[in-house]
Amino acid sequence: MKRTKKRKWSVRALAAMLIAILAMPTYSLKVHAEENELSKVDVVVTNKEIGYKSTVQPLTTMFDCEIIMAFTMEGLEMTFTTLCVDVASVIGVKDIKVQQKMWYGWKTVFTSSGAENQNEDIFATELTYPDAVNGKTYRVICTHYADYDGYEEVENDTGAFKFVL
């Protein structure tokens, strides 16, 4: 009995100390900096233009490759956008698949070959899957692509979304 009281007291004391430590205000750190005139460095920028025609290449020339899904009375409405850093000879979306979650995995219920634009830096298109069933779970998969200083593709997957009206 005495041991149990001692253990409860030590747990309470430890909890009180932790609360006291965490409740204490923390003081901000003071930072001191000064310029050293002996170590000035000249910075030279070699790639100022957005067109990456130099040997320095970005990881990808495409960005904001998006699939936007909306469940409406018309069905599953999708908007696809692809952006490139500069005008691409071809830019678009292909291999579009709408998949429905089944007990055994994903079943492709709708496909589209996609669309593309020439000599543009932005691509956008819309697509509707009219047979979407309320209460079912869907995902959309596609490939965004562009040809600017070389052909590139990016796979995109929305993840699972339940169709609820």
N, C-alpha and C. Protein backbone atom coordinates (compact mmCIF):
# COMPACT_ATOMS: atom_id res chain seq x y z
N MET A 1 0.82 -1.18 0.00
CA MET A 1 0.00 0.00 0.00
C MET A 1 0.87 1.25 0.00
N LYS A 2 1.92 1.21 0.82
CA LYS A 2 2.82 2.35 0.92
C LYS A 2 3.55 2.57 -0.40
N ARG A 3 3.92 1.47 -1.06
CA ARG A 3 4.65 1.55 -2.32
C ARG A 3 3.78 2.17 -3.42
N THR A 4 2.49 1.84 -3.47
CA THR A 4 1.58 2.39 -4.45
C THR A 4 1.41 3.88 -4.27
N LYS A 5 1.31 4.36 -3.05
CA LYS A 5 1.19 5.79 -2.78
C LYS A 5 2.45 6.51 -3.21
N LYS A 6 3.60 5.90 -2.95
CA LYS A 6 4.88 6.52 -3.32
C LYS A 6 4.99 6.61 -4.84
N ARG A 7 4.56 5.57 -5.55
CA ARG A 7 4.62 5.55 -7.01
C ARG A 7 3.67 6.60 -7.58
N LYS A 8 2.46 6.73 -7.03
CA LYS A 8 1.51 7.74 -7.48
C LYS A 8 2.07 9.14 -7.24
N TRP A 9 2.71 9.32 -6.07
CA TRP A 9 3.28 10.63 -5.75
C TRP A 9 4.41 10.97 -6.71
N SER A 10 5.26 10.00 -7.06
CA SER A 10 6.38 10.28 -7.95
C SER A 10 5.88 10.56 -9.38
N VAL A 11 4.82 9.88 -9.81
CA VAL A 11 4.24 10.16 -11.13
C VAL A 11 3.64 11.55 -11.15
N ARG A 12 2.95 11.93 -10.09
CA ARG A 12 2.37 13.28 -10.01
C ARG A 12 3.46 14.34 -9.98
N ALA A 13 4.54 14.07 -9.26
CA ALA A 13 5.65 15.03 -9.18
C ALA A 13 6.31 15.19 -10.54
N LEU A 14 6.52 14.09 -11.23
CA LEU A 14 7.11 14.14 -12.56
C LEU A 14 6.21 14.91 -13.53
N ALA A 15 4.90 14.66 -13.47
CA ALA A 15 3.95 15.36 -14.33
C ALA A 15 3.96 16.86 -14.02
N ALA A 16 4.02 17.22 -12.74
CA ALA A 16 4.05 18.64 -12.36
C ALA A 16 5.32 19.30 -12.86
N MET A 17 6.46 18.61 -12.79
CA MET A 17 7.71 19.19 -13.28
C MET A 17 7.66 19.39 -14.79
N LEU A 18 7.12 18.42 -15.52
CA LEU A 18 7.01 18.57 -16.97
C LEU A 18 6.10 19.75 -17.34
N ILE A 19 5.00 19.89 -16.65
CA ILE A 19 4.09 21.01 -16.91
C ILE A 19 4.80 22.33 -16.62
N ALA A 20 5.54 22.39 -15.52
CA ALA A 20 6.26 23.62 -15.16
C ALA A 20 7.33 23.94 -16.20
N ILE A 21 8.03 22.94 -16.69
CA ILE A 21 9.08 23.17 -17.69
C ILE A 21 8.47 23.64 -19.00
N LEU A 22 7.39 22.98 -19.44
CA LEU A 22 6.77 23.34 -20.70
C LEU A 22 6.02 24.66 -20.63
N ALA A 23 5.59 25.07 -19.46
CA ALA A 23 4.84 26.31 -19.31
C ALA A 23 5.75 27.53 -19.22
N MET A 24 7.03 27.33 -18.97
CA MET A 24 7.95 28.46 -18.87
C MET A 24 8.10 29.14 -20.22
N PRO A 25 8.13 30.46 -20.22
CA PRO A 25 8.31 31.17 -21.49
C PRO A 25 9.72 30.92 -22.02
N THR A 26 9.81 30.81 -23.33
CA THR A 26 11.13 30.65 -23.94
C THR A 26 11.59 32.02 -24.40
N TYR A 27 12.84 32.28 -24.20
CA TYR A 27 13.40 33.57 -24.58
C TYR A 27 13.94 33.47 -26.00
N SER A 28 13.72 34.53 -26.77
CA SER A 28 14.20 34.50 -28.14
C SER A 28 15.72 34.62 -28.15
N LEU A 29 16.30 34.02 -29.15
CA LEU A 29 17.74 34.06 -29.27
C LEU A 29 18.17 35.40 -29.86
N LYS A 30 19.25 35.91 -29.38
CA LYS A 30 19.79 37.14 -29.93
C LYS A 30 20.88 36.75 -30.92
N VAL A 31 20.80 37.32 -32.10
CA VAL A 31 21.76 37.01 -33.14
C VAL A 31 22.52 38.28 -33.47
N HIS A 32 23.82 38.14 -33.61
CA HIS A 32 24.65 39.28 -33.93
C HIS A 32 25.37 38.99 -35.24
N ALA A 33 25.26 39.89 -36.17
CA ALA A 33 25.94 39.72 -37.45
C ALA A 33 26.55 41.05 -37.85
N GLU A 34 27.66 40.96 -38.51
CA GLU A 34 28.29 42.17 -39.01
C GLU A 34 28.95 41.86 -40.34
N GLU A 35 29.14 42.89 -41.12
CA GLU A 35 29.77 42.70 -42.42
C GLU A 35 31.28 42.64 -42.25
N ASN A 36 31.86 41.78 -43.03
CA ASN A 36 33.30 41.67 -43.05
C ASN A 36 33.75 42.18 -44.41
N GLU A 37 34.38 43.32 -44.46
CA GLU A 37 34.72 43.95 -45.73
C GLU A 37 35.84 43.23 -46.46
N LEU A 38 36.51 42.33 -45.82
CA LEU A 38 37.62 41.63 -46.46
C LEU A 38 37.15 40.46 -47.31
N SER A 39 35.92 40.00 -47.11
CA SER A 39 35.48 38.81 -47.83
C SER A 39 34.27 39.07 -48.73
N LYS A 40 34.28 40.15 -49.48
CA LYS A 40 33.21 40.41 -50.44
C LYS A 40 33.37 39.49 -51.64
N VAL A 41 32.24 38.97 -52.14
CA VAL A 41 32.26 38.05 -53.25
C VAL A 41 31.39 38.62 -54.36
N ASP A 42 31.91 38.60 -55.58
CA ASP A 42 31.12 39.02 -56.73
C ASP A 42 30.30 37.84 -57.21
N VAL A 43 29.00 38.05 -57.43
CA VAL A 43 28.11 37.00 -57.90
C VAL A 43 27.85 37.25 -59.38
N VAL A 44 28.06 36.22 -60.18
CA VAL A 44 27.84 36.32 -61.61
C VAL A 44 26.72 35.36 -61.98
N VAL A 45 25.65 35.89 -62.59
CA VAL A 45 24.53 35.07 -63.02
C VAL A 45 24.72 34.77 -64.50
N THR A 46 24.72 33.49 -64.84
CA THR A 46 25.01 33.12 -66.23
C THR A 46 23.78 32.72 -67.02
N ASN A 47 22.64 32.44 -66.36
CA ASN A 47 21.46 31.98 -67.07
C ASN A 47 20.26 32.81 -66.64
N LYS A 48 20.05 33.95 -67.28
CA LYS A 48 18.97 34.85 -66.90
C LYS A 48 17.69 34.61 -67.68
N GLU A 49 17.76 33.99 -68.84
CA GLU A 49 16.58 33.84 -69.68
C GLU A 49 15.76 32.61 -69.29
N ILE A 50 14.47 32.67 -69.61
CA ILE A 50 13.59 31.56 -69.26
C ILE A 50 13.77 30.40 -70.22
N GLY A 51 14.18 30.65 -71.44
CA GLY A 51 14.43 29.58 -72.40
C GLY A 51 15.71 28.86 -72.03
N TYR A 52 15.60 27.60 -71.65
CA TYR A 52 16.75 26.85 -71.15
C TYR A 52 17.53 26.24 -72.31
N LYS A 53 18.12 27.09 -73.13
CA LYS A 53 18.89 26.62 -74.28
C LYS A 53 20.35 26.37 -73.90
N SER A 54 20.73 26.67 -72.66
CA SER A 54 22.10 26.47 -72.23
C SER A 54 22.29 25.04 -71.76
N THR A 55 23.47 24.73 -71.27
CA THR A 55 23.75 23.38 -70.78
C THR A 55 23.10 23.12 -69.43
N VAL A 56 22.67 24.17 -68.72
CA VAL A 56 21.99 24.01 -67.44
C VAL A 56 20.52 23.79 -67.73
N GLN A 57 19.99 22.63 -67.36
CA GLN A 57 18.60 22.27 -67.64
C GLN A 57 17.84 22.12 -66.32
N PRO A 58 16.58 22.52 -66.28
CA PRO A 58 15.77 22.23 -65.09
C PRO A 58 15.43 20.75 -65.06
N LEU A 59 14.93 20.27 -63.93
CA LEU A 59 14.56 18.87 -63.81
C LEU A 59 13.46 18.50 -64.80
N THR A 60 12.51 19.42 -64.98
CA THR A 60 11.46 19.23 -65.98
C THR A 60 11.05 20.60 -66.52
N THR A 61 10.54 20.62 -67.73
CA THR A 61 10.08 21.88 -68.31
C THR A 61 8.57 22.04 -68.14
N MET A 62 7.91 21.03 -67.59
CA MET A 62 6.47 21.10 -67.36
C MET A 62 6.17 21.36 -65.89
N PHE A 63 5.07 22.06 -65.63
CA PHE A 63 4.62 22.29 -64.27
C PHE A 63 3.12 22.47 -64.27
N ASP A 64 2.51 22.44 -63.08
CA ASP A 64 1.06 22.56 -62.93
C ASP A 64 0.31 21.56 -63.82
N CYS A 65 0.78 20.33 -63.83
CA CYS A 65 0.06 19.26 -64.53
C CYS A 65 -1.03 18.78 -63.58
N GLU A 66 -2.28 19.15 -63.87
CA GLU A 66 -3.37 18.93 -62.92
C GLU A 66 -4.54 18.19 -63.55
N ILE A 67 -5.22 17.46 -62.69
CA ILE A 67 -6.52 16.88 -63.02
C ILE A 67 -7.48 17.40 -61.95
N ILE A 68 -8.51 18.10 -62.37
CA ILE A 68 -9.51 18.60 -61.43
C ILE A 68 -10.80 17.81 -61.68
N MET A 69 -11.32 17.21 -60.61
CA MET A 69 -12.53 16.40 -60.71
C MET A 69 -13.69 17.08 -59.99
N ALA A 70 -14.88 16.98 -60.59
CA ALA A 70 -16.09 17.49 -59.95
C ALA A 70 -17.21 16.51 -60.21
N PHE A 71 -17.94 16.16 -59.16
CA PHE A 71 -19.09 15.28 -59.29
C PHE A 71 -20.32 16.16 -59.41
N THR A 72 -21.00 16.10 -60.56
CA THR A 72 -22.17 16.95 -60.83
C THR A 72 -23.33 16.07 -61.30
N MET A 73 -24.45 16.69 -61.59
CA MET A 73 -25.61 15.98 -62.12
C MET A 73 -25.32 15.41 -63.51
N GLU A 74 -24.32 15.97 -64.19
CA GLU A 74 -23.92 15.49 -65.52
C GLU A 74 -23.05 14.24 -65.43
N GLY A 75 -22.49 13.97 -64.25
CA GLY A 75 -21.59 12.83 -64.05
C GLY A 75 -20.28 13.30 -63.45
N LEU A 76 -19.21 12.60 -63.77
CA LEU A 76 -17.87 12.97 -63.30
C LEU A 76 -17.24 13.89 -64.34
N GLU A 77 -17.12 15.17 -63.98
CA GLU A 77 -16.53 16.15 -64.89
C GLU A 77 -15.07 16.35 -64.52
N MET A 78 -14.21 16.36 -65.54
CA MET A 78 -12.76 16.48 -65.33
C MET A 78 -12.20 17.61 -66.18
N THR A 79 -11.23 18.32 -65.61
CA THR A 79 -10.47 19.32 -66.34
C THR A 79 -9.01 18.95 -66.25
N PHE A 80 -8.33 18.92 -67.38
CA PHE A 80 -6.91 18.58 -67.45
C PHE A 80 -6.12 19.81 -67.89
N THR A 81 -5.06 20.16 -67.16
CA THR A 81 -4.20 21.28 -67.55
C THR A 81 -2.74 20.84 -67.52
N THR A 82 -1.99 21.35 -68.49
CA THR A 82 -0.55 21.12 -68.58
C THR A 82 0.10 22.45 -68.94
N LEU A 83 1.13 22.85 -68.20
CA LEU A 83 1.85 24.09 -68.49
C LEU A 83 3.32 23.78 -68.74
N CYS A 84 3.94 24.58 -69.60
CA CYS A 84 5.34 24.42 -69.95
C CYS A 84 6.05 25.75 -69.72
N VAL A 85 7.37 25.72 -69.48
CA VAL A 85 8.10 26.96 -69.18
C VAL A 85 8.14 27.91 -70.36
N ASP A 86 7.96 27.42 -71.57
CA ASP A 86 7.98 28.25 -72.77
C ASP A 86 7.13 27.55 -73.83
N VAL A 87 7.00 28.13 -75.00
CA VAL A 87 6.19 27.55 -76.06
C VAL A 87 6.77 26.20 -76.47
N ALA A 88 5.93 25.18 -76.41
CA ALA A 88 6.31 23.82 -76.78
C ALA A 88 5.78 23.51 -78.17
N SER A 89 6.52 22.71 -78.92
CA SER A 89 6.04 22.35 -80.25
C SER A 89 4.77 21.53 -80.17
N VAL A 90 4.62 20.73 -79.09
CA VAL A 90 3.40 19.99 -78.83
C VAL A 90 3.23 19.89 -77.32
N ILE A 91 1.99 20.04 -76.85
CA ILE A 91 1.69 19.96 -75.42
C ILE A 91 0.29 19.38 -75.28
N GLY A 92 0.10 18.46 -74.33
CA GLY A 92 -1.22 17.88 -74.20
C GLY A 92 -1.34 16.82 -73.12
N VAL A 93 -2.40 16.03 -73.23
CA VAL A 93 -2.72 14.97 -72.29
C VAL A 93 -3.13 13.75 -73.11
N LYS A 94 -2.69 12.55 -72.68
CA LYS A 94 -3.06 11.33 -73.40
C LYS A 94 -3.32 10.20 -72.41
N ASP A 95 -3.80 9.09 -72.93
CA ASP A 95 -4.03 7.87 -72.15
C ASP A 95 -4.85 8.14 -70.88
N ILE A 96 -5.99 8.82 -71.05
CA ILE A 96 -6.86 9.14 -69.91
C ILE A 96 -7.69 7.91 -69.57
N LYS A 97 -7.69 7.56 -68.27
CA LYS A 97 -8.47 6.42 -67.79
C LYS A 97 -9.26 6.84 -66.56
N VAL A 98 -10.56 6.57 -66.58
CA VAL A 98 -11.39 6.72 -65.39
C VAL A 98 -11.58 5.32 -64.85
N GLN A 99 -11.22 5.13 -63.58
CA GLN A 99 -11.31 3.81 -62.98
C GLN A 99 -12.23 3.83 -61.77
N GLN A 100 -13.00 2.74 -61.62
CA GLN A 100 -13.93 2.58 -60.50
C GLN A 100 -13.37 1.53 -59.56
N LYS A 101 -13.45 1.80 -58.26
CA LYS A 101 -12.97 0.87 -57.24
C LYS A 101 -13.95 -0.30 -57.14
N MET A 102 -13.40 -1.50 -57.27
CA MET A 102 -14.20 -2.72 -57.15
C MET A 102 -13.64 -3.51 -55.97
N TRP A 103 -14.28 -4.60 -55.58
CA TRP A 103 -13.80 -5.39 -54.45
C TRP A 103 -12.45 -6.04 -54.75
N TYR A 104 -12.14 -6.23 -56.03
CA TYR A 104 -10.90 -6.90 -56.43
C TYR A 104 -9.81 -5.93 -56.89
N GLY A 105 -10.09 -4.62 -56.91
CA GLY A 105 -9.12 -3.62 -57.37
C GLY A 105 -9.79 -2.55 -58.22
N TRP A 106 -9.04 -1.95 -59.12
CA TRP A 106 -9.55 -0.87 -59.97
C TRP A 106 -9.97 -1.40 -61.33
N LYS A 107 -11.16 -1.00 -61.78
CA LYS A 107 -11.69 -1.40 -63.09
C LYS A 107 -11.79 -0.15 -63.97
N THR A 108 -11.20 -0.19 -65.15
CA THR A 108 -11.27 0.93 -66.09
C THR A 108 -12.67 0.95 -66.71
N VAL A 109 -13.40 2.05 -66.49
CA VAL A 109 -14.78 2.15 -66.96
C VAL A 109 -14.93 3.16 -68.10
N PHE A 110 -13.88 3.98 -68.35
CA PHE A 110 -13.96 5.01 -69.38
C PHE A 110 -12.54 5.36 -69.80
N THR A 111 -12.30 5.48 -71.10
CA THR A 111 -10.98 5.87 -71.60
C THR A 111 -11.11 6.96 -72.66
N SER A 112 -10.03 7.69 -72.82
CA SER A 112 -9.94 8.69 -73.87
C SER A 112 -8.49 8.77 -74.32
N SER A 113 -8.30 8.97 -75.62
CA SER A 113 -6.92 9.10 -76.13
C SER A 113 -6.33 10.45 -75.79
N GLY A 114 -7.17 11.43 -75.42
CA GLY A 114 -6.69 12.74 -75.01
C GLY A 114 -6.74 13.75 -76.13
N ALA A 115 -5.95 14.81 -75.98
CA ALA A 115 -5.91 15.90 -76.95
C ALA A 115 -4.59 16.63 -76.80
N GLU A 116 -4.27 17.50 -77.76
CA GLU A 116 -3.02 18.26 -77.70
C GLU A 116 -3.14 19.57 -78.46
N ASN A 117 -2.21 20.47 -78.20
CA ASN A 117 -2.07 21.74 -78.92
C ASN A 117 -0.66 21.81 -79.49
N GLN A 118 -0.50 22.57 -80.56
CA GLN A 118 0.82 22.82 -81.13
C GLN A 118 1.20 24.28 -80.88
N ASN A 119 2.49 24.49 -80.63
CA ASN A 119 3.07 25.82 -80.46
C ASN A 119 2.34 26.65 -79.41
N GLU A 120 2.16 26.06 -78.25
CA GLU A 120 1.52 26.70 -77.10
C GLU A 120 2.35 26.40 -75.85
N ASP A 121 2.16 27.20 -74.80
CA ASP A 121 2.81 26.89 -73.52
C ASP A 121 1.80 26.43 -72.48
N ILE A 122 0.50 26.50 -72.82
CA ILE A 122 -0.56 26.08 -71.92
C ILE A 122 -1.52 25.16 -72.68
N PHE A 123 -1.92 24.10 -72.00
CA PHE A 123 -2.93 23.20 -72.58
C PHE A 123 -4.01 22.97 -71.53
N ALA A 124 -5.27 22.99 -71.96
CA ALA A 124 -6.39 22.67 -71.06
C ALA A 124 -7.50 22.03 -71.88
N THR A 125 -8.15 21.04 -71.28
CA THR A 125 -9.29 20.40 -71.92
C THR A 125 -10.21 19.86 -70.84
N GLU A 126 -11.46 19.59 -71.23
CA GLU A 126 -12.45 19.05 -70.30
C GLU A 126 -13.00 17.74 -70.85
N LEU A 127 -13.45 16.91 -69.93
CA LEU A 127 -14.00 15.62 -70.30
C LEU A 127 -15.05 15.25 -69.25
N THR A 128 -16.13 14.58 -69.67
CA THR A 128 -17.19 14.16 -68.74
C THR A 128 -17.43 12.67 -68.88
N TYR A 129 -17.49 12.00 -67.74
CA TYR A 129 -17.90 10.59 -67.69
C TYR A 129 -19.34 10.58 -67.18
N PRO A 130 -20.31 10.43 -68.07
CA PRO A 130 -21.72 10.60 -67.67
C PRO A 130 -22.30 9.43 -66.87
N ASP A 131 -21.64 8.28 -66.88
CA ASP A 131 -22.20 7.09 -66.23
C ASP A 131 -21.70 6.88 -64.81
N ALA A 132 -21.16 7.90 -64.18
CA ALA A 132 -20.68 7.77 -62.80
C ALA A 132 -21.86 7.46 -61.88
N VAL A 133 -21.62 6.54 -60.95
CA VAL A 133 -22.68 6.06 -60.05
C VAL A 133 -22.48 6.69 -58.67
N ASN A 134 -23.56 7.28 -58.16
CA ASN A 134 -23.51 7.90 -56.83
C ASN A 134 -23.14 6.86 -55.78
N GLY A 135 -22.19 7.20 -54.92
CA GLY A 135 -21.75 6.30 -53.85
C GLY A 135 -20.54 5.45 -54.21
N LYS A 136 -20.14 5.43 -55.47
CA LYS A 136 -18.98 4.64 -55.90
C LYS A 136 -17.71 5.50 -55.83
N THR A 137 -16.57 4.82 -55.76
CA THR A 137 -15.27 5.50 -55.66
C THR A 137 -14.56 5.43 -57.00
N TYR A 138 -14.00 6.59 -57.42
CA TYR A 138 -13.34 6.70 -58.72
C TYR A 138 -11.96 7.33 -58.56
N ARG A 139 -11.13 7.08 -59.57
CA ARG A 139 -9.86 7.80 -59.72
C ARG A 139 -9.64 8.03 -61.21
N VAL A 140 -8.81 9.03 -61.52
CA VAL A 140 -8.49 9.36 -62.91
C VAL A 140 -6.98 9.31 -63.07
N ILE A 141 -6.53 8.67 -64.13
CA ILE A 141 -5.10 8.55 -64.44
C ILE A 141 -4.89 9.09 -65.86
N CYS A 142 -3.80 9.83 -66.06
CA CYS A 142 -3.47 10.31 -67.41
C CYS A 142 -1.97 10.56 -67.52
N THR A 143 -1.54 10.89 -68.73
CA THR A 143 -0.15 11.24 -68.99
C THR A 143 -0.13 12.64 -69.61
N HIS A 144 0.54 13.57 -68.92
CA HIS A 144 0.76 14.91 -69.47
C HIS A 144 2.06 14.86 -70.27
N TYR A 145 2.12 15.59 -71.38
CA TYR A 145 3.35 15.58 -72.17
C TYR A 145 3.57 16.92 -72.85
N ALA A 146 4.83 17.20 -73.16
CA ALA A 146 5.21 18.41 -73.88
C ALA A 146 6.54 18.16 -74.57
N ASP A 147 6.77 18.85 -75.67
CA ASP A 147 8.05 18.77 -76.39
C ASP A 147 8.65 20.17 -76.45
N TYR A 148 9.54 20.43 -75.50
CA TYR A 148 10.29 21.68 -75.48
C TYR A 148 11.72 21.31 -75.11
N ASP A 149 12.62 21.46 -76.03
CA ASP A 149 14.02 21.01 -75.83
C ASP A 149 14.06 19.53 -75.46
N GLY A 150 13.16 18.75 -76.03
CA GLY A 150 13.11 17.32 -75.76
C GLY A 150 11.73 16.92 -75.27
N TYR A 151 11.28 15.76 -75.65
CA TYR A 151 9.95 15.27 -75.31
C TYR A 151 9.95 14.77 -73.87
N GLU A 152 8.93 15.16 -73.09
CA GLU A 152 8.80 14.74 -71.69
C GLU A 152 7.38 14.27 -71.43
N GLU A 153 7.26 13.30 -70.53
CA GLU A 153 5.95 12.82 -70.08
C GLU A 153 5.92 12.79 -68.56
N VAL A 154 4.74 13.07 -68.00
CA VAL A 154 4.53 12.99 -66.55
C VAL A 154 3.23 12.25 -66.30
N GLU A 155 3.29 11.17 -65.52
CA GLU A 155 2.10 10.41 -65.15
C GLU A 155 1.38 11.15 -64.01
N ASN A 156 0.05 11.14 -64.02
CA ASN A 156 -0.73 11.81 -62.99
C ASN A 156 -1.86 10.89 -62.55
N ASP A 157 -2.09 10.82 -61.24
CA ASP A 157 -3.11 9.96 -60.65
C ASP A 157 -3.81 10.77 -59.55
N THR A 158 -5.13 10.90 -59.64
CA THR A 158 -5.86 11.73 -58.67
C THR A 158 -5.96 11.07 -57.32
N GLY A 159 -5.80 9.76 -57.25
CA GLY A 159 -6.11 9.07 -56.00
C GLY A 159 -7.62 8.80 -55.97
N ALA A 160 -8.10 8.17 -54.93
CA ALA A 160 -9.49 7.72 -54.85
C ALA A 160 -10.40 8.82 -54.31
N PHE A 161 -11.56 9.01 -54.99
CA PHE A 161 -12.58 9.95 -54.56
C PHE A 161 -13.94 9.30 -54.67
N LYS A 162 -14.75 9.46 -53.63
CA LYS A 162 -16.10 8.88 -53.63
C LYS A 162 -17.07 9.85 -54.30
N PHE A 163 -17.87 9.33 -55.23
CA PHE A 163 -18.85 10.10 -55.97
C PHE A 163 -20.09 10.28 -55.10
N VAL A 164 -20.30 11.50 -54.61
CA VAL A 164 -21.43 11.78 -53.73
C VAL A 164 -22.10 13.05 -54.20
N LEU A 165 -23.39 12.97 -54.45
CA LEU A 165 -24.17 14.17 -54.83
C LEU A 165 -24.96 14.67 -53.66
